[in-house]
């Protein structure tokens, strides 16, 4: 009889692990602790490493610059105090034109999301967060 622990439950490697074996590192920028925590849980459950979090766009830009090279992608809320996500996206791309930024938006912000994509955001995630959609969008960004 085969022990239950010997049967692979899921034989694909977690989405958060790079081909060479280490984790993709993400910076989560969101003023909602609830959304930041939810994104963090979704991503870390797939092996992604949460490099850092920031509560507004200005902090996000600072933390991206400080961790540049060690951050594989950023999730960026659009509506935040101090500096909004659109401005933070522009500043990060000025600093690193190859930055992979995924915008996080509430429904009804299609015009702002379109502006972000034209500015250089790689994708977007709509709130409320859907685990499957979050992971699909992140995978599509990391595959390019």
N, C-alpha and C. Protein backbone atom coordinates (compact mmCIF):
# COMPACT_ATOMS: atom_id res chain seq x y z
N UNK A 1 0.84 -1.18 0.00
CA UNK A 1 0.00 0.00 0.00
C UNK A 1 0.89 1.25 0.00
N UNK A 2 0.53 2.24 -0.81
CA UNK A 2 1.31 3.47 -0.92
C UNK A 2 0.88 4.43 0.18
N UNK A 3 1.86 4.98 0.87
CA UNK A 3 1.54 5.96 1.91
C UNK A 3 1.01 7.23 1.25
N UNK A 4 0.03 7.84 1.90
CA UNK A 4 -0.60 9.04 1.33
C UNK A 4 0.43 10.14 1.06
N UNK A 5 1.45 10.26 1.91
CA UNK A 5 2.46 11.30 1.74
C UNK A 5 3.35 11.07 0.52
N UNK A 6 3.35 9.85 -0.03
CA UNK A 6 4.17 9.54 -1.19
C UNK A 6 3.52 9.95 -2.52
N UNK A 7 2.24 10.25 -2.48
CA UNK A 7 1.52 10.62 -3.70
C UNK A 7 1.63 12.14 -3.89
N UNK A 8 2.19 12.57 -5.04
CA UNK A 8 2.29 14.01 -5.24
C UNK A 8 0.90 14.63 -5.40
N UNK A 9 0.60 15.59 -4.57
CA UNK A 9 -0.71 16.25 -4.63
C UNK A 9 -0.74 17.18 -5.83
N UNK A 10 0.35 17.88 -6.02
CA UNK A 10 0.42 18.84 -7.12
C UNK A 10 1.84 18.76 -7.68
N UNK A 11 1.98 18.18 -8.84
CA UNK A 11 3.34 17.96 -9.35
C UNK A 11 3.94 19.15 -10.08
N UNK A 12 3.17 20.22 -10.27
CA UNK A 12 3.78 21.41 -10.90
C UNK A 12 4.44 22.24 -9.80
N UNK A 13 5.53 22.89 -10.16
CA UNK A 13 6.20 23.69 -9.15
C UNK A 13 5.39 24.97 -8.89
N UNK A 14 5.50 25.53 -7.70
CA UNK A 14 4.74 26.74 -7.36
C UNK A 14 5.07 27.88 -8.33
N UNK A 15 4.07 28.68 -8.64
CA UNK A 15 4.24 29.78 -9.61
C UNK A 15 5.27 30.81 -9.14
N UNK A 16 5.49 30.89 -7.85
CA UNK A 16 6.40 31.90 -7.31
C UNK A 16 7.86 31.53 -7.34
N UNK A 17 8.17 30.36 -7.87
CA UNK A 17 9.57 29.91 -7.89
C UNK A 17 10.13 30.05 -9.31
N UNK A 18 11.28 30.73 -9.40
CA UNK A 18 11.95 30.92 -10.69
C UNK A 18 12.51 29.58 -11.17
N UNK A 19 12.76 29.47 -12.49
CA UNK A 19 13.33 28.21 -13.01
C UNK A 19 14.60 27.78 -12.28
N UNK A 20 15.40 28.75 -11.84
CA UNK A 20 16.65 28.38 -11.14
C UNK A 20 16.43 28.02 -9.68
N UNK A 21 15.17 28.09 -9.21
CA UNK A 21 14.87 27.58 -7.87
C UNK A 21 14.62 28.58 -6.77
N UNK A 22 14.99 29.85 -6.96
CA UNK A 22 14.71 30.82 -5.90
C UNK A 22 13.38 31.54 -6.18
N UNK A 23 12.86 32.20 -5.17
CA UNK A 23 11.52 32.82 -5.27
C UNK A 23 11.56 34.16 -6.00
N UNK A 24 10.49 34.44 -6.75
CA UNK A 24 10.28 35.78 -7.28
C UNK A 24 9.97 36.68 -6.09
N UNK A 25 10.52 37.90 -6.12
CA UNK A 25 10.32 38.84 -5.01
C UNK A 25 9.40 39.97 -5.44
N UNK A 26 8.41 40.27 -4.61
CA UNK A 26 7.40 41.27 -4.93
C UNK A 26 7.36 42.38 -3.89
N UNK A 27 7.15 43.59 -4.37
CA UNK A 27 6.89 44.75 -3.52
C UNK A 27 5.41 45.06 -3.66
N UNK A 28 4.67 45.03 -2.55
CA UNK A 28 3.24 45.31 -2.56
C UNK A 28 3.02 46.74 -2.08
N UNK A 29 2.41 47.57 -2.95
CA UNK A 29 2.16 48.97 -2.60
C UNK A 29 0.64 49.17 -2.57
N UNK A 30 0.10 49.37 -1.37
CA UNK A 30 -1.34 49.56 -1.20
C UNK A 30 -1.60 50.22 0.15
N UNK A 31 -2.51 51.21 0.17
CA UNK A 31 -2.82 51.87 1.43
C UNK A 31 -3.79 51.06 2.29
N UNK A 32 -4.41 50.05 1.72
CA UNK A 32 -5.32 49.19 2.48
C UNK A 32 -4.53 48.00 3.03
N UNK A 33 -4.41 47.94 4.35
CA UNK A 33 -3.69 46.83 4.96
C UNK A 33 -4.37 45.51 4.61
N UNK A 34 -5.70 45.53 4.49
CA UNK A 34 -6.45 44.33 4.17
C UNK A 34 -6.06 43.81 2.78
N UNK A 35 -6.05 44.69 1.78
CA UNK A 35 -5.70 44.29 0.41
C UNK A 35 -4.24 43.83 0.36
N UNK A 36 -3.34 44.59 1.01
CA UNK A 36 -1.92 44.23 1.02
C UNK A 36 -1.73 42.83 1.63
N UNK A 37 -2.44 42.58 2.72
CA UNK A 37 -2.33 41.28 3.39
C UNK A 37 -2.91 40.18 2.50
N UNK A 38 -4.06 40.45 1.87
CA UNK A 38 -4.69 39.46 1.00
C UNK A 38 -3.78 39.13 -0.19
N UNK A 39 -3.21 40.16 -0.83
CA UNK A 39 -2.27 39.92 -1.93
C UNK A 39 -1.07 39.12 -1.45
N UNK A 40 -0.56 39.50 -0.30
CA UNK A 40 0.59 38.80 0.28
C UNK A 40 0.30 37.33 0.52
N UNK A 41 -0.89 37.04 1.03
CA UNK A 41 -1.26 35.63 1.30
C UNK A 41 -1.40 34.85 0.00
N UNK A 42 -2.06 35.45 -1.01
CA UNK A 42 -2.24 34.77 -2.30
C UNK A 42 -0.88 34.45 -2.90
N UNK A 43 0.00 35.46 -2.93
CA UNK A 43 1.31 35.28 -3.57
C UNK A 43 2.22 34.34 -2.78
N UNK A 44 2.27 34.52 -1.46
CA UNK A 44 3.18 33.66 -0.68
C UNK A 44 2.70 32.21 -0.67
N UNK A 45 1.40 31.98 -0.84
CA UNK A 45 0.90 30.60 -0.91
C UNK A 45 1.41 29.88 -2.16
N UNK A 46 1.87 30.64 -3.16
CA UNK A 46 2.43 30.05 -4.38
C UNK A 46 3.96 30.15 -4.41
N UNK A 47 4.56 30.50 -3.29
CA UNK A 47 6.02 30.50 -3.20
C UNK A 47 6.69 31.83 -3.47
N UNK A 48 5.89 32.88 -3.79
CA UNK A 48 6.49 34.20 -3.99
C UNK A 48 6.99 34.72 -2.65
N UNK A 49 8.04 35.52 -2.69
CA UNK A 49 8.57 36.14 -1.48
C UNK A 49 8.12 37.59 -1.45
N UNK A 50 7.52 38.00 -0.34
CA UNK A 50 7.11 39.40 -0.20
C UNK A 50 8.35 40.16 0.26
N UNK A 51 8.98 40.88 -0.67
CA UNK A 51 10.22 41.60 -0.36
C UNK A 51 9.95 42.75 0.60
N UNK A 52 8.81 43.43 0.39
CA UNK A 52 8.46 44.57 1.23
C UNK A 52 7.04 45.01 0.90
N UNK A 53 6.50 45.88 1.76
CA UNK A 53 5.21 46.50 1.49
C UNK A 53 5.34 48.00 1.73
N UNK A 54 4.47 48.77 1.08
CA UNK A 54 4.45 50.22 1.25
C UNK A 54 2.99 50.68 1.27
N UNK A 55 2.71 51.71 2.07
CA UNK A 55 1.33 52.18 2.25
C UNK A 55 0.92 53.33 1.36
N UNK A 56 1.87 53.86 0.58
CA UNK A 56 1.54 54.91 -0.38
C UNK A 56 2.56 54.91 -1.50
N UNK A 57 2.26 55.64 -2.57
CA UNK A 57 3.12 55.63 -3.75
C UNK A 57 4.54 56.13 -3.48
N UNK A 58 4.66 57.16 -2.64
CA UNK A 58 5.99 57.71 -2.35
C UNK A 58 6.87 56.67 -1.66
N UNK A 59 6.30 55.98 -0.67
CA UNK A 59 7.04 54.91 0.01
C UNK A 59 7.38 53.80 -0.98
N UNK A 60 6.44 53.50 -1.85
CA UNK A 60 6.65 52.45 -2.85
C UNK A 60 7.83 52.75 -3.74
N UNK A 61 7.92 54.00 -4.21
CA UNK A 61 9.03 54.41 -5.07
C UNK A 61 10.35 54.28 -4.30
N UNK A 62 10.37 54.77 -3.05
CA UNK A 62 11.59 54.70 -2.22
C UNK A 62 12.02 53.24 -2.02
N UNK A 63 11.05 52.40 -1.68
CA UNK A 63 11.38 50.99 -1.40
C UNK A 63 11.80 50.26 -2.67
N UNK A 64 11.21 50.63 -3.81
CA UNK A 64 11.64 50.01 -5.07
C UNK A 64 13.09 50.39 -5.36
N UNK A 65 13.39 51.67 -5.22
CA UNK A 65 14.77 52.13 -5.48
C UNK A 65 15.75 51.46 -4.53
N UNK A 66 15.38 51.33 -3.26
CA UNK A 66 16.26 50.72 -2.26
C UNK A 66 16.50 49.24 -2.56
N UNK A 67 15.48 48.56 -3.09
CA UNK A 67 15.61 47.13 -3.34
C UNK A 67 15.81 46.79 -4.79
N UNK A 68 16.10 47.81 -5.60
CA UNK A 68 16.22 47.63 -7.05
C UNK A 68 17.19 46.51 -7.39
N UNK A 69 16.77 45.68 -8.30
CA UNK A 69 17.58 44.53 -8.64
C UNK A 69 17.18 43.30 -7.85
N UNK A 70 16.63 43.53 -6.66
CA UNK A 70 16.20 42.42 -5.82
C UNK A 70 14.68 42.26 -5.87
N UNK A 71 13.98 43.17 -6.56
CA UNK A 71 12.52 43.10 -6.66
C UNK A 71 12.17 42.72 -8.10
N UNK A 72 11.42 41.63 -8.25
CA UNK A 72 11.07 41.13 -9.58
C UNK A 72 9.84 41.82 -10.16
N UNK A 73 8.89 42.20 -9.28
CA UNK A 73 7.72 42.92 -9.75
C UNK A 73 7.04 43.64 -8.59
N UNK A 74 6.16 44.57 -8.95
CA UNK A 74 5.46 45.42 -7.99
C UNK A 74 3.97 45.30 -8.24
N UNK A 75 3.17 45.18 -7.16
CA UNK A 75 1.73 45.37 -7.30
C UNK A 75 1.46 46.77 -6.76
N UNK A 76 0.75 47.59 -7.54
CA UNK A 76 0.59 49.01 -7.22
C UNK A 76 -0.88 49.40 -7.21
N UNK A 77 -1.37 49.78 -6.05
CA UNK A 77 -2.73 50.31 -5.96
C UNK A 77 -2.77 51.63 -6.72
N UNK A 78 -3.94 52.00 -7.23
CA UNK A 78 -4.04 53.25 -7.98
C UNK A 78 -4.36 54.42 -7.06
N UNK A 79 -5.35 54.25 -6.18
CA UNK A 79 -5.79 55.36 -5.33
C UNK A 79 -5.16 55.23 -3.95
N UNK A 80 -4.21 56.14 -3.65
CA UNK A 80 -3.51 56.13 -2.36
C UNK A 80 -3.21 57.57 -1.94
N UNK A 81 -3.00 57.78 -0.64
CA UNK A 81 -2.60 59.11 -0.17
C UNK A 81 -1.14 59.41 -0.53
N UNK A 82 -0.71 60.62 -0.30
CA UNK A 82 0.65 61.13 -0.53
C UNK A 82 1.02 61.13 -2.01
N UNK A 83 1.10 59.96 -2.63
CA UNK A 83 1.37 59.85 -4.07
C UNK A 83 0.52 58.70 -4.60
N UNK A 84 -0.28 58.99 -5.63
CA UNK A 84 -1.14 57.94 -6.19
C UNK A 84 -0.31 56.95 -7.00
N UNK A 85 -0.95 55.84 -7.37
CA UNK A 85 -0.26 54.77 -8.07
C UNK A 85 0.22 55.14 -9.46
N UNK A 86 -0.53 56.03 -10.15
CA UNK A 86 -0.13 56.45 -11.50
C UNK A 86 1.20 57.21 -11.42
N UNK A 87 1.29 58.16 -10.48
CA UNK A 87 2.53 58.93 -10.31
C UNK A 87 3.68 58.03 -9.87
N UNK A 88 3.40 57.10 -8.96
CA UNK A 88 4.44 56.19 -8.49
C UNK A 88 4.93 55.30 -9.63
N UNK A 89 4.00 54.84 -10.47
CA UNK A 89 4.37 54.04 -11.64
C UNK A 89 5.33 54.84 -12.53
N UNK A 90 4.97 56.10 -12.80
CA UNK A 90 5.82 56.95 -13.65
C UNK A 90 7.21 57.11 -13.05
N UNK A 91 7.28 57.33 -11.74
CA UNK A 91 8.59 57.52 -11.07
C UNK A 91 9.43 56.24 -11.10
N UNK A 92 8.78 55.11 -10.87
CA UNK A 92 9.52 53.83 -10.90
C UNK A 92 10.05 53.58 -12.31
N UNK A 93 9.23 53.85 -13.33
CA UNK A 93 9.67 53.62 -14.71
C UNK A 93 10.75 54.62 -15.14
N UNK A 94 10.73 55.83 -14.59
CA UNK A 94 11.83 56.78 -14.85
C UNK A 94 13.13 56.22 -14.30
N UNK A 95 13.04 55.59 -13.13
CA UNK A 95 14.20 55.04 -12.45
C UNK A 95 14.66 53.74 -13.12
N UNK A 96 13.69 52.89 -13.52
CA UNK A 96 13.99 51.58 -14.10
C UNK A 96 12.96 51.29 -15.19
N UNK A 97 13.35 51.55 -16.44
CA UNK A 97 12.40 51.41 -17.56
C UNK A 97 11.94 49.96 -17.76
N UNK A 98 12.64 49.00 -17.15
CA UNK A 98 12.26 47.58 -17.28
C UNK A 98 11.46 47.06 -16.09
N UNK A 99 11.07 47.95 -15.19
CA UNK A 99 10.31 47.53 -14.00
C UNK A 99 9.01 46.86 -14.42
N UNK A 100 8.65 45.82 -13.71
CA UNK A 100 7.39 45.11 -13.95
C UNK A 100 6.40 45.53 -12.87
N UNK A 101 5.45 46.37 -13.26
CA UNK A 101 4.47 46.90 -12.32
C UNK A 101 3.08 46.43 -12.74
N UNK A 102 2.35 45.85 -11.80
CA UNK A 102 0.98 45.40 -12.03
C UNK A 102 0.07 46.30 -11.20
N UNK A 103 -0.84 47.01 -11.86
CA UNK A 103 -1.73 47.93 -11.17
C UNK A 103 -2.87 47.15 -10.51
N UNK A 104 -3.31 47.65 -9.35
CA UNK A 104 -4.44 47.06 -8.63
C UNK A 104 -5.52 48.12 -8.55
N UNK A 105 -6.70 47.81 -9.09
CA UNK A 105 -7.73 48.83 -9.25
C UNK A 105 -9.10 48.33 -8.84
N UNK A 106 -9.91 49.24 -8.34
CA UNK A 106 -11.32 48.92 -8.10
C UNK A 106 -12.05 48.96 -9.43
N UNK A 107 -13.17 48.29 -9.52
CA UNK A 107 -13.99 48.34 -10.73
C UNK A 107 -14.38 49.79 -11.01
N UNK A 108 -14.54 50.12 -12.28
CA UNK A 108 -14.97 51.46 -12.64
C UNK A 108 -13.83 52.44 -12.87
N UNK A 109 -12.60 51.97 -12.82
CA UNK A 109 -11.43 52.85 -13.03
C UNK A 109 -10.76 52.52 -14.36
N UNK A 110 -11.54 52.04 -15.33
CA UNK A 110 -10.96 51.57 -16.59
C UNK A 110 -10.11 52.62 -17.29
N UNK A 111 -10.56 53.89 -17.23
CA UNK A 111 -9.80 54.97 -17.89
C UNK A 111 -8.42 55.14 -17.26
N UNK A 112 -8.36 55.05 -15.94
CA UNK A 112 -7.08 55.20 -15.23
C UNK A 112 -6.18 53.99 -15.52
N UNK A 113 -6.79 52.80 -15.52
CA UNK A 113 -6.03 51.58 -15.82
C UNK A 113 -5.44 51.67 -17.22
N UNK A 114 -6.24 52.14 -18.18
CA UNK A 114 -5.76 52.29 -19.56
C UNK A 114 -4.55 53.23 -19.61
N UNK A 115 -4.63 54.35 -18.87
CA UNK A 115 -3.52 55.30 -18.81
C UNK A 115 -2.26 54.61 -18.25
N UNK A 116 -2.46 53.81 -17.21
CA UNK A 116 -1.32 53.10 -16.59
C UNK A 116 -0.68 52.13 -17.59
N UNK A 117 -1.51 51.41 -18.34
CA UNK A 117 -0.97 50.46 -19.31
C UNK A 117 -0.23 51.19 -20.42
N UNK A 118 -0.75 52.34 -20.85
CA UNK A 118 -0.07 53.14 -21.86
C UNK A 118 1.24 53.72 -21.32
N UNK A 119 1.26 54.01 -20.01
CA UNK A 119 2.46 54.56 -19.37
C UNK A 119 3.55 53.51 -19.24
N UNK A 120 3.15 52.24 -19.10
CA UNK A 120 4.17 51.19 -18.99
C UNK A 120 3.86 50.10 -17.98
N UNK A 121 2.70 50.17 -17.31
CA UNK A 121 2.32 49.06 -16.42
C UNK A 121 2.19 47.81 -17.28
N UNK A 122 2.54 46.66 -16.72
CA UNK A 122 2.54 45.41 -17.48
C UNK A 122 1.18 44.73 -17.48
N UNK A 123 0.37 44.98 -16.45
CA UNK A 123 -0.95 44.36 -16.35
C UNK A 123 -1.72 45.04 -15.24
N UNK A 124 -2.90 44.51 -14.95
CA UNK A 124 -3.70 45.05 -13.86
C UNK A 124 -4.51 43.93 -13.22
N UNK A 125 -4.87 44.16 -11.97
CA UNK A 125 -5.70 43.23 -11.19
C UNK A 125 -6.87 44.06 -10.68
N UNK A 126 -8.08 43.52 -10.78
CA UNK A 126 -9.26 44.24 -10.32
C UNK A 126 -9.67 43.75 -8.93
N UNK A 127 -10.01 44.72 -8.06
CA UNK A 127 -10.56 44.38 -6.74
C UNK A 127 -12.06 44.21 -6.89
N UNK A 128 -12.72 43.36 -6.13
CA UNK A 128 -12.14 42.48 -5.12
C UNK A 128 -11.23 41.41 -5.75
N UNK A 129 -10.21 41.05 -4.99
CA UNK A 129 -9.20 40.14 -5.51
C UNK A 129 -9.73 38.73 -5.70
N UNK A 130 -9.39 38.14 -6.82
CA UNK A 130 -9.72 36.76 -7.13
C UNK A 130 -8.39 36.02 -7.25
N UNK A 131 -8.16 35.05 -6.38
CA UNK A 131 -6.88 34.33 -6.30
C UNK A 131 -6.41 33.86 -7.67
N UNK A 132 -7.30 33.19 -8.42
CA UNK A 132 -6.92 32.64 -9.72
C UNK A 132 -6.51 33.75 -10.68
N UNK A 133 -7.28 34.84 -10.72
CA UNK A 133 -6.96 35.95 -11.64
C UNK A 133 -5.66 36.64 -11.25
N UNK A 134 -5.44 36.82 -9.94
CA UNK A 134 -4.19 37.43 -9.47
C UNK A 134 -3.01 36.60 -9.97
N UNK A 135 -3.07 35.30 -9.76
CA UNK A 135 -1.95 34.43 -10.15
C UNK A 135 -1.78 34.37 -11.67
N UNK A 136 -2.90 34.40 -12.41
CA UNK A 136 -2.81 34.42 -13.89
C UNK A 136 -2.12 35.69 -14.37
N UNK A 137 -2.51 36.84 -13.82
CA UNK A 137 -1.93 38.12 -14.26
C UNK A 137 -0.45 38.19 -13.92
N UNK A 138 -0.10 37.75 -12.73
CA UNK A 138 1.31 37.77 -12.32
C UNK A 138 2.11 36.84 -13.24
N UNK A 139 1.60 35.64 -13.49
CA UNK A 139 2.31 34.69 -14.37
C UNK A 139 2.51 35.26 -15.76
N UNK A 140 1.49 35.95 -16.29
CA UNK A 140 1.61 36.50 -17.65
C UNK A 140 2.68 37.59 -17.71
N UNK A 141 2.82 38.35 -16.62
CA UNK A 141 3.84 39.40 -16.57
C UNK A 141 5.23 38.80 -16.45
N UNK A 142 5.37 37.77 -15.63
CA UNK A 142 6.69 37.17 -15.40
C UNK A 142 7.15 36.33 -16.58
N UNK A 143 6.21 35.87 -17.40
CA UNK A 143 6.57 35.07 -18.59
C UNK A 143 7.10 35.93 -19.73
N UNK A 144 6.98 37.24 -19.63
CA UNK A 144 7.43 38.13 -20.73
C UNK A 144 8.76 38.77 -20.42
